């Protein structure tokens, strides 16, 4: 997930960064460059295939979910 900010917000950040010494600016540039390179390597999609491990079948899981639901009509008023 990426955060998109407006030009006005970017200008505020730049106003703060402008005051930094050259070494600090270079460090920020380096970190930003590395973050761009790492994003280029990844496809941007997160694979969740195989993330869920369970001994039950899909039908058993679905049945358990349905059975665990609470009907609003079952609640008694306070």
PDB file of N, CA and C in Angstrom:
ATOM      1  N   UNK A   1       0.846  -1.165   0.000  1.00  0.00           N
ATOM      2  CA  UNK A   1       0.000   0.000   0.000  1.00  0.00           C
ATOM      3  C   UNK A   1       0.895   1.232   0.000  1.00  0.00           C
ATOM      4  N   UNK A   2       0.478   2.188  -0.793  1.00  0.00           N
ATOM      5  CA  UNK A   2       1.254   3.423  -0.900  1.00  0.00           C
ATOM      6  C   UNK A   2       0.452   4.597  -0.374  1.00  0.00           C
ATOM      7  N   UNK A   3       1.158   5.556   0.138  1.00  0.00           N
ATOM      8  CA  UNK A   3       0.552   6.790   0.637  1.00  0.00           C
ATOM      9  C   UNK A   3       0.759   7.869  -0.408  1.00  0.00           C
ATOM     10  N   UNK A   4      -0.313   8.506  -0.828  1.00  0.00           N
ATOM     11  CA  UNK A   4      -0.238   9.583  -1.816  1.00  0.00           C
ATOM     12  C   UNK A   4      -0.533  10.893  -1.100  1.00  0.00           C
ATOM     13  N   UNK A   5       0.355  11.859  -1.266  1.00  0.00           N
ATOM     14  CA  UNK A   5       0.160  13.150  -0.611  1.00  0.00           C
ATOM     15  C   UNK A   5       0.082  14.254  -1.667  1.00  0.00           C
ATOM     16  N   UNK A   6      -0.546  15.339  -1.291  1.00  0.00           N
ATOM     17  CA  UNK A   6      -0.759  16.447  -2.227  1.00  0.00           C
ATOM     18  C   UNK A   6       0.526  17.269  -2.388  1.00  0.00           C
ATOM     19  N   UNK A   7       0.532  18.099  -3.417  1.00  0.00           N
ATOM     20  CA  UNK A   7       1.675  18.997  -3.646  1.00  0.00           C
ATOM     21  C   UNK A   7       1.867  19.960  -2.476  1.00  0.00           C
ATOM     22  N   UNK A   8       0.755  20.381  -1.881  1.00  0.00           N
ATOM     23  CA  UNK A   8       0.834  21.295  -0.743  1.00  0.00           C
ATOM     24  C   UNK A   8       1.574  20.621   0.420  1.00  0.00           C
ATOM     25  N   UNK A   9       1.262  19.353   0.667  1.00  0.00           N
ATOM     26  CA  UNK A   9       1.941  18.607   1.734  1.00  0.00           C
ATOM     27  C   UNK A   9       3.405  18.386   1.384  1.00  0.00           C
ATOM     28  N   UNK A  10       3.661  18.079   0.119  1.00  0.00           N
ATOM     29  CA  UNK A  10       5.058  17.911  -0.324  1.00  0.00           C
ATOM     30  C   UNK A  10       5.853  19.194  -0.110  1.00  0.00           C
ATOM     31  N   UNK A  11       5.243  20.321  -0.409  1.00  0.00           N
ATOM     32  CA  UNK A  11       5.916  21.606  -0.204  1.00  0.00           C
ATOM     33  C   UNK A  11       6.242  21.845   1.267  1.00  0.00           C
ATOM     34  N   UNK A  12       5.335  21.409   2.157  1.00  0.00           N
ATOM     35  CA  UNK A  12       5.594  21.550   3.589  1.00  0.00           C
ATOM     36  C   UNK A  12       6.794  20.697   4.006  1.00  0.00           C
ATOM     37  N   UNK A  13       6.816  19.450   3.527  1.00  0.00           N
ATOM     38  CA  UNK A  13       7.953  18.581   3.837  1.00  0.00           C
ATOM     39  C   UNK A  13       9.246  19.170   3.283  1.00  0.00           C
ATOM     40  N   UNK A  14       9.191  19.657   2.043  1.00  0.00           N
ATOM     41  CA  UNK A  14      10.395  20.210   1.424  1.00  0.00           C
ATOM     42  C   UNK A  14      10.892  21.424   2.189  1.00  0.00           C
ATOM     43  N   UNK A  15       9.961  22.229   2.696  1.00  0.00           N
ATOM     44  CA  UNK A  15      10.352  23.390   3.499  1.00  0.00           C
ATOM     45  C   UNK A  15      11.141  22.972   4.731  1.00  0.00           C
ATOM     46  N   UNK A  16      10.760  21.858   5.326  1.00  0.00           N
ATOM     47  CA  UNK A  16      11.491  21.340   6.478  1.00  0.00           C
ATOM     48  C   UNK A  16      12.828  20.733   6.048  1.00  0.00           C
ATOM     49  N   UNK A  17      12.802  19.945   4.976  1.00  0.00           N
ATOM     50  CA  UNK A  17      14.014  19.253   4.520  1.00  0.00           C
ATOM     51  C   UNK A  17      15.061  20.219   3.982  1.00  0.00           C
ATOM     52  N   UNK A  18      14.615  21.339   3.433  1.00  0.00           N
ATOM     53  CA  UNK A  18      15.516  22.335   2.854  1.00  0.00           C
ATOM     54  C   UNK A  18      16.531  22.823   3.878  1.00  0.00           C
ATOM     55  N   UNK A  19      16.128  22.838   5.144  1.00  0.00           N
ATOM     56  CA  UNK A  19      16.979  23.359   6.210  1.00  0.00           C
ATOM     57  C   UNK A  19      18.032  22.360   6.687  1.00  0.00           C
ATOM     58  N   UNK A  20      17.931  21.116   6.257  1.00  0.00           N
ATOM     59  CA  UNK A  20      18.887  20.097   6.697  1.00  0.00           C
ATOM     60  C   UNK A  20      20.256  20.307   6.069  1.00  0.00           C
ATOM     61  N   UNK A  21      21.275  19.779   6.728  1.00  0.00           N
ATOM     62  CA  UNK A  21      22.621  19.855   6.156  1.00  0.00           C
ATOM     63  C   UNK A  21      22.724  18.879   4.979  1.00  0.00           C
ATOM     64  N   UNK A  22      23.748  19.060   4.141  1.00  0.00           N
ATOM     65  CA  UNK A  22      23.891  18.260   2.922  1.00  0.00           C
ATOM     66  C   UNK A  22      24.019  16.766   3.200  1.00  0.00           C
ATOM     67  N   UNK A  23      24.695  16.401   4.269  1.00  0.00           N
ATOM     68  CA  UNK A  23      24.868  14.981   4.596  1.00  0.00           C
ATOM     69  C   UNK A  23      23.516  14.336   4.897  1.00  0.00           C
ATOM     70  N   UNK A  24      22.700  15.017   5.663  1.00  0.00           N
ATOM     71  CA  UNK A  24      21.376  14.487   5.991  1.00  0.00           C
ATOM     72  C   UNK A  24      20.505  14.380   4.739  1.00  0.00           C
ATOM     73  N   UNK A  25      20.601  15.373   3.868  1.00  0.00           N
ATOM     74  CA  UNK A  25      19.834  15.328   2.618  1.00  0.00           C
ATOM     75  C   UNK A  25      20.255  14.137   1.768  1.00  0.00           C
ATOM     76  N   UNK A  26      21.570  13.881   1.696  1.00  0.00           N
ATOM     77  CA  UNK A  26      22.055  12.743   0.908  1.00  0.00           C
ATOM     78  C   UNK A  26      21.558  11.419   1.486  1.00  0.00           C
ATOM     79  N   UNK A  27      21.522  11.336   2.816  1.00  0.00           N
ATOM     80  CA  UNK A  27      21.020  10.116   3.458  1.00  0.00           C
ATOM     81  C   UNK A  27      19.548   9.890   3.120  1.00  0.00           C
ATOM     82  N   UNK A  28      18.778  10.957   3.129  1.00  0.00           N
ATOM     83  CA  UNK A  28      17.359  10.843   2.777  1.00  0.00           C
ATOM     84  C   UNK A  28      17.206  10.430   1.320  1.00  0.00           C
ATOM     85  N   UNK A  29      17.988  11.037   0.437  1.00  0.00           N
ATOM     86  CA  UNK A  29      17.950  10.686  -0.982  1.00  0.00           C
ATOM     87  C   UNK A  29      18.301   9.215  -1.168  1.00  0.00           C
ATOM     88  N   UNK A  30      19.317   8.750  -0.454  1.00  0.00           N
ATOM     89  CA  UNK A  30      19.745   7.356  -0.551  1.00  0.00           C
ATOM     90  C   UNK A  30      18.626   6.414  -0.103  1.00  0.00           C
ATOM     91  N   UNK A  31      17.994   6.726   1.013  1.00  0.00           N
ATOM     92  CA  UNK A  31      16.912   5.879   1.515  1.00  0.00           C
ATOM     93  C   UNK A  31      15.720   5.872   0.552  1.00  0.00           C
ATOM     94  N   UNK A  32      15.377   7.023   0.011  1.00  0.00           N
ATOM     95  CA  UNK A  32      14.270   7.088  -0.943  1.00  0.00           C
ATOM     96  C   UNK A  32      14.597   6.301  -2.213  1.00  0.00           C
ATOM     97  N   UNK A  33      15.831   6.415  -2.686  1.00  0.00           N
ATOM     98  CA  UNK A  33      16.261   5.683  -3.879  1.00  0.00           C
ATOM     99  C   UNK A  33      16.178   4.181  -3.633  1.00  0.00           C
ATOM    100  N   UNK A  34      16.657   3.734  -2.470  1.00  0.00           N
ATOM    101  CA  UNK A  34      16.592   2.305  -2.139  1.00  0.00           C
ATOM    102  C   UNK A  34      15.147   1.826  -2.045  1.00  0.00           C
ATOM    103  N   UNK A  35      14.271   2.658  -1.507  1.00  0.00           N
ATOM    104  CA  UNK A  35      12.866   2.250  -1.396  1.00  0.00           C
ATOM    105  C   UNK A  35      12.232   2.105  -2.779  1.00  0.00           C
ATOM    106  N   UNK A  36      12.639   2.958  -3.726  1.00  0.00           N
ATOM    107  CA  UNK A  36      12.121   2.837  -5.089  1.00  0.00           C
ATOM    108  C   UNK A  36      12.632   1.569  -5.751  1.00  0.00           C
ATOM    109  N   UNK A  37      13.897   1.255  -5.553  1.00  0.00           N
ATOM    110  CA  UNK A  37      14.478   0.053  -6.151  1.00  0.00           C
ATOM    111  C   UNK A  37      13.827  -1.204  -5.594  1.00  0.00           C
ATOM    112  N   UNK A  38      13.541  -1.228  -4.294  1.00  0.00           N
ATOM    113  CA  UNK A  38      12.927  -2.415  -3.706  1.00  0.00           C
ATOM    114  C   UNK A  38      11.495  -2.595  -4.210  1.00  0.00           C
ATOM    115  N   UNK A  39      10.807  -1.500  -4.490  1.00  0.00           N
ATOM    116  CA  UNK A  39       9.454  -1.594  -5.036  1.00  0.00           C
ATOM    117  C   UNK A  39       9.486  -2.083  -6.484  1.00  0.00           C
ATOM    118  N   UNK A  40      10.523  -1.717  -7.223  1.00  0.00           N
ATOM    119  CA  UNK A  40      10.640  -2.157  -8.603  1.00  0.00           C
ATOM    120  C   UNK A  40      10.843  -3.662  -8.667  1.00  0.00           C
ATOM    121  N   UNK A  41      11.546  -4.213  -7.698  1.00  0.00           N
ATOM    122  CA  UNK A  41      11.803  -5.650  -7.676  1.00  0.00           C
ATOM    123  C   UNK A  41      10.539  -6.440  -7.379  1.00  0.00           C
ATOM    124  N   UNK A  42       9.710  -5.945  -6.477  1.00  0.00           N
ATOM    125  CA  UNK A  42       8.484  -6.660  -6.128  1.00  0.00           C
ATOM    126  C   UNK A  42       7.400  -6.319  -7.140  1.00  0.00           C
ATOM    127  N   UNK A  43       6.488  -7.243  -7.320  1.00  0.00           N
ATOM    128  CA  UNK A  43       5.420  -7.025  -8.298  1.00  0.00           C
ATOM    129  C   UNK A  43       4.325  -6.123  -7.757  1.00  0.00           C
ATOM    130  N   UNK A  44       4.375  -5.830  -6.465  1.00  0.00           N
ATOM    131  CA  UNK A  44       3.353  -4.989  -5.880  1.00  0.00           C
ATOM    132  C   UNK A  44       2.175  -5.791  -5.366  1.00  0.00           C
ATOM    133  N   UNK A  45       2.173  -7.094  -5.636  1.00  0.00           N
ATOM    134  CA  UNK A  45       1.093  -7.953  -5.183  1.00  0.00           C
ATOM    135  C   UNK A  45       1.618  -8.866  -4.095  1.00  0.00           C
ATOM    136  N   UNK A  46       0.823  -9.049  -3.083  1.00  0.00           N
ATOM    137  CA  UNK A  46       1.194  -9.937  -2.003  1.00  0.00           C
ATOM    138  C   UNK A  46       0.491 -11.260  -2.208  1.00  0.00           C
ATOM    139  N   UNK A  47       1.254 -12.308  -2.248  1.00  0.00           N
ATOM    140  CA  UNK A  47       0.670 -13.627  -2.424  1.00  0.00           C
ATOM    141  C   UNK A  47       0.342 -14.223  -1.067  1.00  0.00           C
ATOM    142  N   UNK A  48      -0.884 -14.625  -0.911  1.00  0.00           N
ATOM    143  CA  UNK A  48      -1.305 -15.264   0.326  1.00  0.00           C
ATOM    144  C   UNK A  48      -1.571 -16.751   0.114  1.00  0.00           C
ATOM    145  N   UNK A  49      -1.245 -17.232  -1.071  1.00  0.00           N
ATOM    146  CA  UNK A  49      -1.459 -18.635  -1.371  1.00  0.00           C
ATOM    147  C   UNK A  49      -0.675 -19.498  -0.386  1.00  0.00           C
ATOM    148  N   UNK A  50      -1.371 -20.423   0.256  1.00  0.00           N
ATOM    149  CA  UNK A  50      -0.729 -21.321   1.197  1.00  0.00           C
ATOM    150  C   UNK A  50      -0.533 -20.738   2.579  1.00  0.00           C
ATOM    151  N   UNK A  51      -1.006 -19.521   2.819  1.00  0.00           N
ATOM    152  CA  UNK A  51      -0.804 -18.882   4.113  1.00  0.00           C
ATOM    153  C   UNK A  51      -1.669 -19.514   5.196  1.00  0.00           C
ATOM    154  N   UNK A  52      -2.821 -20.040   4.811  1.00  0.00           N
ATOM    155  CA  UNK A  52      -3.735 -20.644   5.783  1.00  0.00           C
ATOM    156  C   UNK A  52      -3.442 -22.131   5.846  1.00  0.00           C
ATOM    157  N   UNK A  53      -3.133 -22.605   7.033  1.00  0.00           N
ATOM    158  CA  UNK A  53      -2.897 -24.030   7.220  1.00  0.00           C
ATOM    159  C   UNK A  53      -3.942 -24.576   8.166  1.00  0.00           C
ATOM    160  N   UNK A  54      -4.644 -25.627   7.736  1.00  0.00           N
ATOM    161  CA  UNK A  54      -5.688 -26.207   8.550  1.00  0.00           C
ATOM    162  C   UNK A  54      -5.905 -27.643   8.092  1.00  0.00           C
ATOM    163  N   UNK A  55      -6.238 -28.498   9.036  1.00  0.00           N
ATOM    164  CA  UNK A  55      -6.486 -29.902   8.720  1.00  0.00           C
ATOM    165  C   UNK A  55      -7.901 -30.119   8.197  1.00  0.00           C
ATOM    166  N   UNK A  56      -8.784 -29.147   8.455  1.00  0.00           N
ATOM    167  CA  UNK A  56     -10.178 -29.294   8.047  1.00  0.00           C
ATOM    168  C   UNK A  56     -10.339 -29.000   6.559  1.00  0.00           C
ATOM    169  N   UNK A  57     -11.386 -29.585   5.993  1.00  0.00           N
ATOM    170  CA  UNK A  57     -11.693 -29.288   4.591  1.00  0.00           C
ATOM    171  C   UNK A  57     -12.406 -27.938   4.520  1.00  0.00           C
ATOM    172  N   UNK A  58     -12.505 -27.406   3.319  1.00  0.00           N
ATOM    173  CA  UNK A  58     -13.194 -26.127   3.129  1.00  0.00           C
ATOM    174  C   UNK A  58     -14.638 -26.228   3.592  1.00  0.00           C
ATOM    175  N   UNK A  59     -15.298 -27.356   3.290  1.00  0.00           N
ATOM    176  CA  UNK A  59     -16.686 -27.532   3.700  1.00  0.00           C
ATOM    177  C   UNK A  59     -16.828 -27.539   5.219  1.00  0.00           C
ATOM    178  N   UNK A  60     -15.880 -28.157   5.914  1.00  0.00           N
ATOM    179  CA  UNK A  60     -15.923 -28.183   7.376  1.00  0.00           C
ATOM    180  C   UNK A  60     -15.745 -26.778   7.953  1.00  0.00           C
ATOM    181  N   UNK A  61     -14.852 -26.007   7.381  1.00  0.00           N
ATOM    182  CA  UNK A  61     -14.614 -24.633   7.846  1.00  0.00           C
ATOM    183  C   UNK A  61     -15.854 -23.782   7.624  1.00  0.00           C
ATOM    184  N   UNK A  62     -16.458 -23.908   6.452  1.00  0.00           N
ATOM    185  CA  UNK A  62     -17.665 -23.142   6.139  1.00  0.00           C
ATOM    186  C   UNK A  62     -18.785 -23.513   7.103  1.00  0.00           C
ATOM    187  N   UNK A  63     -18.959 -24.804   7.352  1.00  0.00           N
ATOM    188  CA  UNK A  63     -19.994 -25.262   8.279  1.00  0.00           C
ATOM    189  C   UNK A  63     -19.770 -24.676   9.672  1.00  0.00           C
ATOM    190  N   UNK A  64     -18.521 -24.668  10.137  1.00  0.00           N
ATOM    191  CA  UNK A  64     -18.202 -24.124  11.455  1.00  0.00           C
ATOM    192  C   UNK A  64     -18.500 -22.625  11.531  1.00  0.00           C
ATOM    193  N   UNK A  65     -18.180 -21.907  10.474  1.00  0.00           N
ATOM    194  CA  UNK A  65     -18.454 -20.463  10.434  1.00  0.00           C
ATOM    195  C   UNK A  65     -19.956 -20.212  10.513  1.00  0.00           C
ATOM    196  N   UNK A  66     -20.718 -20.955   9.729  1.00  0.00           N
ATOM    197  CA  UNK A  66     -22.167 -20.775   9.717  1.00  0.00           C
ATOM    198  C   UNK A  66     -22.760 -21.108  11.083  1.00  0.00           C
ATOM    199  N   UNK A  67     -22.299 -22.186  11.703  1.00  0.00           N
ATOM    200  CA  UNK A  67     -22.819 -22.593  13.007  1.00  0.00           C
ATOM    201  C   UNK A  67     -22.442 -21.619  14.121  1.00  0.00           C
ATOM    202  N   UNK A  68     -21.354 -20.887  13.947  1.00  0.00           N
ATOM    203  CA  UNK A  68     -20.913 -19.968  14.996  1.00  0.00           C
ATOM    204  C   UNK A  68     -21.599 -18.601  14.923  1.00  0.00           C
ATOM    205  N   UNK A  69     -22.369 -18.393  13.877  1.00  0.00           N
ATOM    206  CA  UNK A  69     -23.070 -17.115  13.740  1.00  0.00           C
ATOM    207  C   UNK A  69     -24.134 -16.972  14.818  1.00  0.00           C
ATOM    208  N   UNK A  70     -24.337 -15.756  15.252  1.00  0.00           N
ATOM    209  CA  UNK A  70     -25.325 -15.461  16.282  1.00  0.00           C
ATOM    210  C   UNK A  70     -26.488 -14.734  15.638  1.00  0.00           C
ATOM    211  N   UNK A  71     -27.663 -15.258  15.864  1.00  0.00           N
ATOM    212  CA  UNK A  71     -28.866 -14.640  15.332  1.00  0.00           C
ATOM    213  C   UNK A  71     -29.299 -13.535  16.281  1.00  0.00           C
ATOM    214  N   UNK A  72     -29.562 -12.368  15.770  1.00  0.00           N
ATOM    215  CA  UNK A  72     -29.962 -11.225  16.609  1.00  0.00           C
ATOM    216  C   UNK A  72     -31.252 -11.529  17.387  1.00  0.00           C
ATOM    217  N   UNK A  73     -32.081 -12.380  16.846  1.00  0.00           N
ATOM    218  CA  UNK A  73     -33.335 -12.717  17.512  1.00  0.00           C
ATOM    219  C   UNK A  73     -33.082 -13.518  18.791  1.00  0.00           C
ATOM    220  N   UNK A  74     -31.908 -14.137  18.903  1.00  0.00           N
ATOM    221  CA  UNK A  74     -31.588 -14.942  20.088  1.00  0.00           C
ATOM    222  C   UNK A  74     -31.235 -14.085  21.293  1.00  0.00           C
ATOM    223  N   UNK A  75     -30.917 -12.814  21.096  1.00  0.00           N
ATOM    224  CA  UNK A  75     -30.542 -11.933  22.198  1.00  0.00           C
ATOM    225  C   UNK A  75     -31.778 -11.519  22.986  1.00  0.00           C
ATOM    226  N   UNK A  76     -31.654 -11.525  24.289  1.00  0.00           N
ATOM    227  CA  UNK A  76     -32.727 -11.041  25.141  1.00  0.00           C
ATOM    228  C   UNK A  76     -32.429  -9.599  25.504  1.00  0.00           C
ATOM    229  N   UNK A  77     -33.437  -8.808  25.635  1.00  0.00           N
ATOM    230  CA  UNK A  77     -33.219  -7.402  25.981  1.00  0.00           C
ATOM    231  C   UNK A  77     -32.752  -7.295  27.425  1.00  0.00           C
ATOM    232  N   UNK A  78     -31.987  -6.268  27.705  1.00  0.00           N
ATOM    233  CA  UNK A  78     -31.437  -6.070  29.034  1.00  0.00           C
ATOM    234  C   UNK A  78     -32.503  -5.596  29.934  1.00  0.00           C
TER     235      UNK A  78
END
